[in-house]
Amino acid sequence: QVQLVESGGGLVQAGASLRLSCVASGRTFSNYKMGWFRQAPGKEREFVAVIDWSGSSTYYADSVKGRFTITRENAKDTVYLQMSSLKHEDTAVYYCAASTIGFYSGRQNPQAYVYWGQGTQVTVSS
């Protein structure tokens, strides 16, 4: 079992930056591909970013490319999502998730991620 805990969300104005963190425990963190997803009220959960087990490969949704950066520090069992130039449409609950399926450069299917955090709210005023 893998346990994930997100933090760092909050209420910010458009154009601001936030860094989300996700701390993992339970199993060897470096064995897992890690993803960030988000879900706005009344909408489906959507893929945001993914990073492979080593941190050497990443992939982003078109809507966040150039603004968001996913990184990981395996020694700290932590994944980060640095968000810049935030827009109102970024408002959502953000979740980190873990998968044992190998990395690929493309939109991630949430069904392939079996371990999820509780989510952290990001609200961007407009």
N, C-alpha and C. Protein backbone atom coordinates (compact mmCIF):
# COMPACT_ATOMS: atom_id res chain seq x y z
N GLN A 1 0.82 -1.18 0.00
CA GLN A 1 0.00 0.00 0.00
C GLN A 1 0.87 1.25 0.00
N VAL A 2 0.47 2.23 -0.81
CA VAL A 2 1.15 3.52 -0.88
C VAL A 2 0.20 4.58 -0.35
N GLN A 3 0.71 5.43 0.51
CA GLN A 3 -0.06 6.54 1.05
C GLN A 3 0.52 7.84 0.52
N LEU A 4 -0.35 8.72 0.05
CA LEU A 4 0.06 9.99 -0.55
C LEU A 4 -0.67 11.13 0.13
N VAL A 5 0.04 12.19 0.45
CA VAL A 5 -0.54 13.36 1.11
C VAL A 5 -0.10 14.61 0.37
N GLU A 6 -1.07 15.34 -0.19
CA GLU A 6 -0.78 16.59 -0.89
C GLU A 6 -0.86 17.77 0.06
N SER A 7 -0.17 18.83 -0.30
CA SER A 7 -0.25 20.09 0.43
C SER A 7 0.16 21.22 -0.51
N GLY A 8 -0.10 22.45 -0.09
CA GLY A 8 0.35 23.61 -0.82
C GLY A 8 -0.72 24.38 -1.55
N GLY A 9 -1.94 23.88 -1.58
CA GLY A 9 -3.01 24.59 -2.26
C GLY A 9 -3.42 25.84 -1.50
N GLY A 10 -4.23 26.65 -2.15
CA GLY A 10 -4.70 27.87 -1.52
C GLY A 10 -5.46 28.75 -2.49
N LEU A 11 -5.78 29.95 -2.02
CA LEU A 11 -6.49 30.95 -2.81
C LEU A 11 -5.50 32.00 -3.26
N VAL A 12 -5.40 32.19 -4.57
CA VAL A 12 -4.47 33.16 -5.14
C VAL A 12 -5.15 33.94 -6.25
N GLN A 13 -4.53 35.04 -6.63
CA GLN A 13 -5.02 35.84 -7.74
C GLN A 13 -4.44 35.34 -9.06
N ALA A 14 -5.13 35.61 -10.14
CA ALA A 14 -4.63 35.26 -11.46
C ALA A 14 -3.24 35.83 -11.67
N GLY A 15 -2.35 35.02 -12.25
CA GLY A 15 -0.98 35.42 -12.47
C GLY A 15 -0.02 35.00 -11.38
N ALA A 16 -0.53 34.53 -10.25
CA ALA A 16 0.30 34.13 -9.13
C ALA A 16 0.87 32.73 -9.35
N SER A 17 1.72 32.31 -8.40
CA SER A 17 2.34 31.00 -8.44
C SER A 17 2.06 30.23 -7.16
N LEU A 18 2.03 28.91 -7.27
CA LEU A 18 1.91 28.01 -6.14
C LEU A 18 2.77 26.79 -6.40
N ARG A 19 3.28 26.18 -5.33
CA ARG A 19 3.95 24.91 -5.44
C ARG A 19 3.22 23.88 -4.59
N LEU A 20 2.73 22.84 -5.24
CA LEU A 20 2.09 21.74 -4.55
C LEU A 20 3.12 20.66 -4.24
N SER A 21 2.96 20.00 -3.10
CA SER A 21 3.83 18.91 -2.70
C SER A 21 3.01 17.66 -2.45
N CYS A 22 3.62 16.52 -2.68
CA CYS A 22 2.99 15.23 -2.42
C CYS A 22 4.02 14.33 -1.78
N VAL A 23 3.79 13.94 -0.54
CA VAL A 23 4.71 13.08 0.20
C VAL A 23 4.16 11.66 0.22
N ALA A 24 5.00 10.71 -0.13
CA ALA A 24 4.61 9.31 -0.22
C ALA A 24 5.20 8.50 0.93
N SER A 25 4.47 7.46 1.32
CA SER A 25 4.95 6.53 2.33
C SER A 25 4.33 5.16 2.07
N GLY A 26 4.90 4.14 2.69
CA GLY A 26 4.34 2.79 2.61
C GLY A 26 5.14 1.82 1.76
N ARG A 27 5.51 2.24 0.57
CA ARG A 27 6.34 1.44 -0.32
C ARG A 27 7.45 2.30 -0.89
N THR A 28 8.37 1.64 -1.56
CA THR A 28 9.51 2.36 -2.12
C THR A 28 9.03 3.38 -3.14
N PHE A 29 9.21 4.65 -2.83
CA PHE A 29 8.70 5.73 -3.65
C PHE A 29 9.27 5.71 -5.06
N SER A 30 10.55 5.41 -5.18
CA SER A 30 11.21 5.49 -6.48
C SER A 30 10.76 4.42 -7.46
N ASN A 31 9.97 3.45 -7.02
CA ASN A 31 9.46 2.42 -7.92
C ASN A 31 8.28 2.87 -8.75
N TYR A 32 7.71 4.04 -8.47
CA TYR A 32 6.44 4.45 -9.05
C TYR A 32 6.58 5.64 -9.97
N LYS A 33 5.84 5.57 -11.07
CA LYS A 33 5.54 6.74 -11.88
C LYS A 33 4.53 7.58 -11.11
N MET A 34 4.71 8.89 -11.09
CA MET A 34 3.84 9.77 -10.34
C MET A 34 3.16 10.78 -11.26
N GLY A 35 1.88 10.99 -11.01
CA GLY A 35 1.12 11.93 -11.81
C GLY A 35 0.37 12.93 -10.96
N TRP A 36 0.07 14.07 -11.56
CA TRP A 36 -0.84 15.06 -10.98
C TRP A 36 -2.09 15.13 -11.85
N PHE A 37 -3.23 15.14 -11.20
CA PHE A 37 -4.53 15.28 -11.86
C PHE A 37 -5.31 16.38 -11.15
N ARG A 38 -6.35 16.86 -11.79
CA ARG A 38 -7.19 17.87 -11.15
C ARG A 38 -8.64 17.64 -11.54
N GLN A 39 -9.52 18.12 -10.67
CA GLN A 39 -10.95 17.96 -10.91
C GLN A 39 -11.69 19.19 -10.40
N ALA A 40 -12.40 19.85 -11.30
CA ALA A 40 -13.24 20.98 -10.95
C ALA A 40 -14.66 20.48 -10.68
N PRO A 41 -15.44 21.23 -9.90
CA PRO A 41 -16.80 20.80 -9.60
C PRO A 41 -17.62 20.53 -10.85
N GLY A 42 -18.28 19.38 -10.89
CA GLY A 42 -19.12 19.03 -12.01
C GLY A 42 -18.39 18.57 -13.26
N LYS A 43 -17.07 18.42 -13.19
CA LYS A 43 -16.28 18.02 -14.34
C LYS A 43 -15.52 16.73 -14.07
N GLU A 44 -15.10 16.07 -15.13
CA GLU A 44 -14.31 14.85 -15.00
C GLU A 44 -12.91 15.16 -14.53
N ARG A 45 -12.32 14.21 -13.84
CA ARG A 45 -10.93 14.35 -13.44
C ARG A 45 -10.04 14.35 -14.68
N GLU A 46 -9.11 15.29 -14.76
CA GLU A 46 -8.26 15.41 -15.93
C GLU A 46 -6.79 15.35 -15.58
N PHE A 47 -6.03 14.84 -16.52
CA PHE A 47 -4.59 14.73 -16.38
C PHE A 47 -3.92 16.09 -16.43
N VAL A 48 -2.89 16.27 -15.62
CA VAL A 48 -2.12 17.51 -15.59
C VAL A 48 -0.66 17.27 -15.98
N ALA A 49 0.02 16.36 -15.27
CA ALA A 49 1.44 16.14 -15.51
C ALA A 49 1.84 14.77 -14.99
N VAL A 50 2.93 14.21 -15.54
CA VAL A 50 3.43 12.91 -15.11
C VAL A 50 4.95 12.95 -15.12
N ILE A 51 5.56 12.16 -14.24
CA ILE A 51 7.01 12.05 -14.16
C ILE A 51 7.38 10.59 -13.91
N ASP A 52 8.45 10.12 -14.56
CA ASP A 52 8.82 8.72 -14.43
C ASP A 52 9.51 8.47 -13.10
N TRP A 53 9.89 7.22 -12.88
CA TRP A 53 10.42 6.81 -11.57
C TRP A 53 11.71 7.53 -11.21
N SER A 54 12.52 7.86 -12.21
CA SER A 54 13.81 8.48 -11.96
C SER A 54 13.77 10.00 -11.99
N GLY A 55 12.68 10.57 -12.51
CA GLY A 55 12.60 12.00 -12.67
C GLY A 55 13.20 12.51 -13.96
N SER A 56 13.62 11.61 -14.85
CA SER A 56 14.28 12.00 -16.08
C SER A 56 13.32 12.32 -17.21
N SER A 57 12.07 11.84 -17.13
CA SER A 57 11.10 12.06 -18.19
C SER A 57 9.82 12.65 -17.62
N THR A 58 9.27 13.63 -18.33
CA THR A 58 8.02 14.26 -17.93
C THR A 58 7.12 14.47 -19.14
N TYR A 59 5.84 14.67 -18.87
CA TYR A 59 4.88 14.99 -19.91
C TYR A 59 3.76 15.82 -19.30
N TYR A 60 3.24 16.80 -20.06
CA TYR A 60 2.26 17.73 -19.55
C TYR A 60 1.04 17.81 -20.46
N ALA A 61 -0.10 18.08 -19.85
CA ALA A 61 -1.28 18.40 -20.63
C ALA A 61 -1.05 19.72 -21.38
N ASP A 62 -1.64 19.84 -22.55
CA ASP A 62 -1.46 21.05 -23.36
C ASP A 62 -1.86 22.31 -22.60
N SER A 63 -2.86 22.21 -21.76
CA SER A 63 -3.38 23.37 -21.06
C SER A 63 -2.41 23.96 -20.04
N VAL A 64 -1.40 23.19 -19.63
CA VAL A 64 -0.46 23.67 -18.60
C VAL A 64 0.97 23.74 -19.09
N LYS A 65 1.25 23.32 -20.30
CA LYS A 65 2.61 23.35 -20.82
C LYS A 65 3.16 24.78 -20.80
N GLY A 66 4.38 24.90 -20.33
CA GLY A 66 5.02 26.21 -20.23
C GLY A 66 4.71 26.95 -18.96
N ARG A 67 3.74 26.48 -18.19
CA ARG A 67 3.36 27.14 -16.94
C ARG A 67 3.60 26.26 -15.71
N PHE A 68 3.40 24.96 -15.85
CA PHE A 68 3.55 24.03 -14.73
C PHE A 68 4.81 23.18 -14.93
N THR A 69 5.45 22.81 -13.82
CA THR A 69 6.61 21.94 -13.85
C THR A 69 6.48 20.88 -12.77
N ILE A 70 6.61 19.62 -13.17
CA ILE A 70 6.58 18.51 -12.22
C ILE A 70 8.01 18.05 -11.97
N THR A 71 8.35 17.85 -10.70
CA THR A 71 9.66 17.36 -10.30
C THR A 71 9.49 16.35 -9.17
N ARG A 72 10.54 15.61 -8.89
CA ARG A 72 10.49 14.70 -7.75
C ARG A 72 11.85 14.64 -7.07
N GLU A 73 11.82 14.42 -5.77
CA GLU A 73 13.01 14.20 -4.97
C GLU A 73 12.82 12.87 -4.26
N ASN A 74 13.38 11.82 -4.84
CA ASN A 74 13.16 10.49 -4.30
C ASN A 74 13.73 10.33 -2.89
N ALA A 75 14.81 11.03 -2.59
CA ALA A 75 15.39 10.94 -1.26
C ALA A 75 14.45 11.49 -0.19
N LYS A 76 13.53 12.36 -0.59
CA LYS A 76 12.54 12.92 0.32
C LYS A 76 11.15 12.32 0.12
N ASP A 77 11.02 11.35 -0.77
CA ASP A 77 9.74 10.71 -1.07
C ASP A 77 8.68 11.74 -1.46
N THR A 78 9.08 12.72 -2.25
CA THR A 78 8.21 13.85 -2.54
C THR A 78 8.17 14.17 -4.03
N VAL A 79 6.96 14.48 -4.50
CA VAL A 79 6.73 14.99 -5.85
C VAL A 79 6.18 16.40 -5.73
N TYR A 80 6.60 17.27 -6.64
CA TYR A 80 6.16 18.66 -6.62
C TYR A 80 5.47 19.02 -7.92
N LEU A 81 4.57 19.99 -7.83
CA LEU A 81 4.00 20.61 -9.01
C LEU A 81 4.13 22.12 -8.82
N GLN A 82 5.07 22.71 -9.55
CA GLN A 82 5.26 24.15 -9.52
C GLN A 82 4.34 24.77 -10.56
N MET A 83 3.43 25.63 -10.12
CA MET A 83 2.44 26.23 -10.98
C MET A 83 2.69 27.73 -11.05
N SER A 84 2.83 28.24 -12.26
CA SER A 84 3.07 29.66 -12.49
C SER A 84 2.01 30.21 -13.43
N SER A 85 1.90 31.54 -13.44
CA SER A 85 0.93 32.22 -14.31
C SER A 85 -0.44 31.59 -14.22
N LEU A 86 -0.90 31.40 -13.00
CA LEU A 86 -2.16 30.70 -12.77
C LEU A 86 -3.33 31.47 -13.37
N LYS A 87 -4.28 30.72 -13.90
CA LYS A 87 -5.48 31.26 -14.51
C LYS A 87 -6.70 30.77 -13.74
N HIS A 88 -7.82 31.48 -13.92
CA HIS A 88 -9.04 31.08 -13.26
C HIS A 88 -9.42 29.64 -13.60
N GLU A 89 -9.18 29.23 -14.84
CA GLU A 89 -9.53 27.90 -15.27
C GLU A 89 -8.66 26.81 -14.65
N ASP A 90 -7.61 27.18 -13.92
CA ASP A 90 -6.82 26.21 -13.18
C ASP A 90 -7.47 25.84 -11.85
N THR A 91 -8.53 26.52 -11.47
CA THR A 91 -9.21 26.25 -10.22
C THR A 91 -9.74 24.82 -10.20
N ALA A 92 -9.33 24.05 -9.19
CA ALA A 92 -9.73 22.65 -9.08
C ALA A 92 -9.14 22.07 -7.81
N VAL A 93 -9.58 20.86 -7.48
CA VAL A 93 -8.89 20.05 -6.48
C VAL A 93 -7.79 19.29 -7.21
N TYR A 94 -6.58 19.40 -6.72
CA TYR A 94 -5.42 18.76 -7.34
C TYR A 94 -5.04 17.51 -6.56
N TYR A 95 -4.86 16.40 -7.28
CA TYR A 95 -4.52 15.12 -6.68
C TYR A 95 -3.20 14.61 -7.22
N CYS A 96 -2.38 14.03 -6.36
CA CYS A 96 -1.25 13.26 -6.84
C CYS A 96 -1.62 11.79 -6.81
N ALA A 97 -0.98 11.00 -7.66
CA ALA A 97 -1.31 9.59 -7.79
C ALA A 97 -0.08 8.81 -8.23
N ALA A 98 -0.08 7.52 -7.92
CA ALA A 98 1.05 6.64 -8.22
C ALA A 98 0.60 5.46 -9.08
N SER A 99 1.48 5.07 -10.00
CA SER A 99 1.22 3.95 -10.89
C SER A 99 2.48 3.13 -11.09
N THR A 100 2.31 1.82 -11.21
CA THR A 100 3.43 0.94 -11.53
C THR A 100 3.58 0.72 -13.04
N ILE A 101 2.64 1.22 -13.83
CA ILE A 101 2.72 1.09 -15.27
C ILE A 101 3.82 2.02 -15.80
N GLY A 102 4.54 1.55 -16.79
CA GLY A 102 5.68 2.28 -17.30
C GLY A 102 5.32 3.63 -17.89
N PHE A 103 6.29 4.54 -17.87
CA PHE A 103 6.10 5.88 -18.38
C PHE A 103 5.87 5.89 -19.89
N TYR A 104 5.01 6.77 -20.34
CA TYR A 104 4.84 7.05 -21.75
C TYR A 104 4.45 8.52 -21.91
N SER A 105 4.81 9.07 -23.05
CA SER A 105 4.55 10.48 -23.33
C SER A 105 3.17 10.63 -23.95
N GLY A 106 2.20 10.88 -23.11
CA GLY A 106 0.84 11.06 -23.57
C GLY A 106 -0.08 11.28 -22.38
N ARG A 107 -1.32 11.64 -22.68
CA ARG A 107 -2.30 11.86 -21.63
C ARG A 107 -2.44 10.60 -20.78
N GLN A 108 -2.45 10.77 -19.47
CA GLN A 108 -2.52 9.65 -18.56
C GLN A 108 -3.97 9.32 -18.22
N ASN A 109 -4.26 8.02 -18.21
CA ASN A 109 -5.58 7.54 -17.83
C ASN A 109 -5.65 7.42 -16.31
N PRO A 110 -6.55 8.13 -15.65
CA PRO A 110 -6.63 8.03 -14.18
C PRO A 110 -6.85 6.61 -13.68
N GLN A 111 -7.48 5.76 -14.50
CA GLN A 111 -7.75 4.39 -14.08
C GLN A 111 -6.47 3.58 -13.89
N ALA A 112 -5.37 4.01 -14.47
CA ALA A 112 -4.10 3.31 -14.33
C ALA A 112 -3.36 3.68 -13.05
N TYR A 113 -3.88 4.63 -12.31
CA TYR A 113 -3.26 5.08 -11.07
C TYR A 113 -4.06 4.54 -9.89
N VAL A 114 -3.45 3.65 -9.15
CA VAL A 114 -4.17 2.91 -8.11
C VAL A 114 -4.05 3.54 -6.73
N TYR A 115 -3.09 4.44 -6.54
CA TYR A 115 -2.91 5.11 -5.26
C TYR A 115 -3.09 6.61 -5.44
N TRP A 116 -3.92 7.20 -4.60
CA TRP A 116 -4.28 8.61 -4.71
C TRP A 116 -4.19 9.32 -3.37
N GLY A 117 -3.81 10.58 -3.42
CA GLY A 117 -3.87 11.41 -2.24
C GLY A 117 -5.27 11.93 -2.01
N GLN A 118 -5.43 12.72 -0.94
CA GLN A 118 -6.75 13.24 -0.57
C GLN A 118 -7.13 14.48 -1.36
N GLY A 119 -6.19 15.09 -2.03
CA GLY A 119 -6.43 16.28 -2.81
C GLY A 119 -6.16 17.56 -2.04
N THR A 120 -5.80 18.61 -2.77
CA THR A 120 -5.60 19.92 -2.19
C THR A 120 -6.25 20.95 -3.11
N GLN A 121 -7.00 21.88 -2.52
CA GLN A 121 -7.78 22.84 -3.30
C GLN A 121 -6.91 23.99 -3.78
N VAL A 122 -7.00 24.27 -5.07
CA VAL A 122 -6.38 25.44 -5.66
C VAL A 122 -7.49 26.31 -6.24
N THR A 123 -7.57 27.54 -5.77
CA THR A 123 -8.58 28.48 -6.25
C THR A 123 -7.89 29.73 -6.76
N VAL A 124 -8.17 30.08 -8.01
CA VAL A 124 -7.57 31.25 -8.65
C VAL A 124 -8.68 32.24 -8.93
N SER A 125 -8.59 33.40 -8.33
CA SER A 125 -9.61 34.42 -8.53
C SER A 125 -9.46 35.07 -9.89
N SER A 126 -10.56 35.60 -10.40
CA SER A 126 -10.57 36.22 -11.72
C SER A 126 -11.21 37.59 -11.67
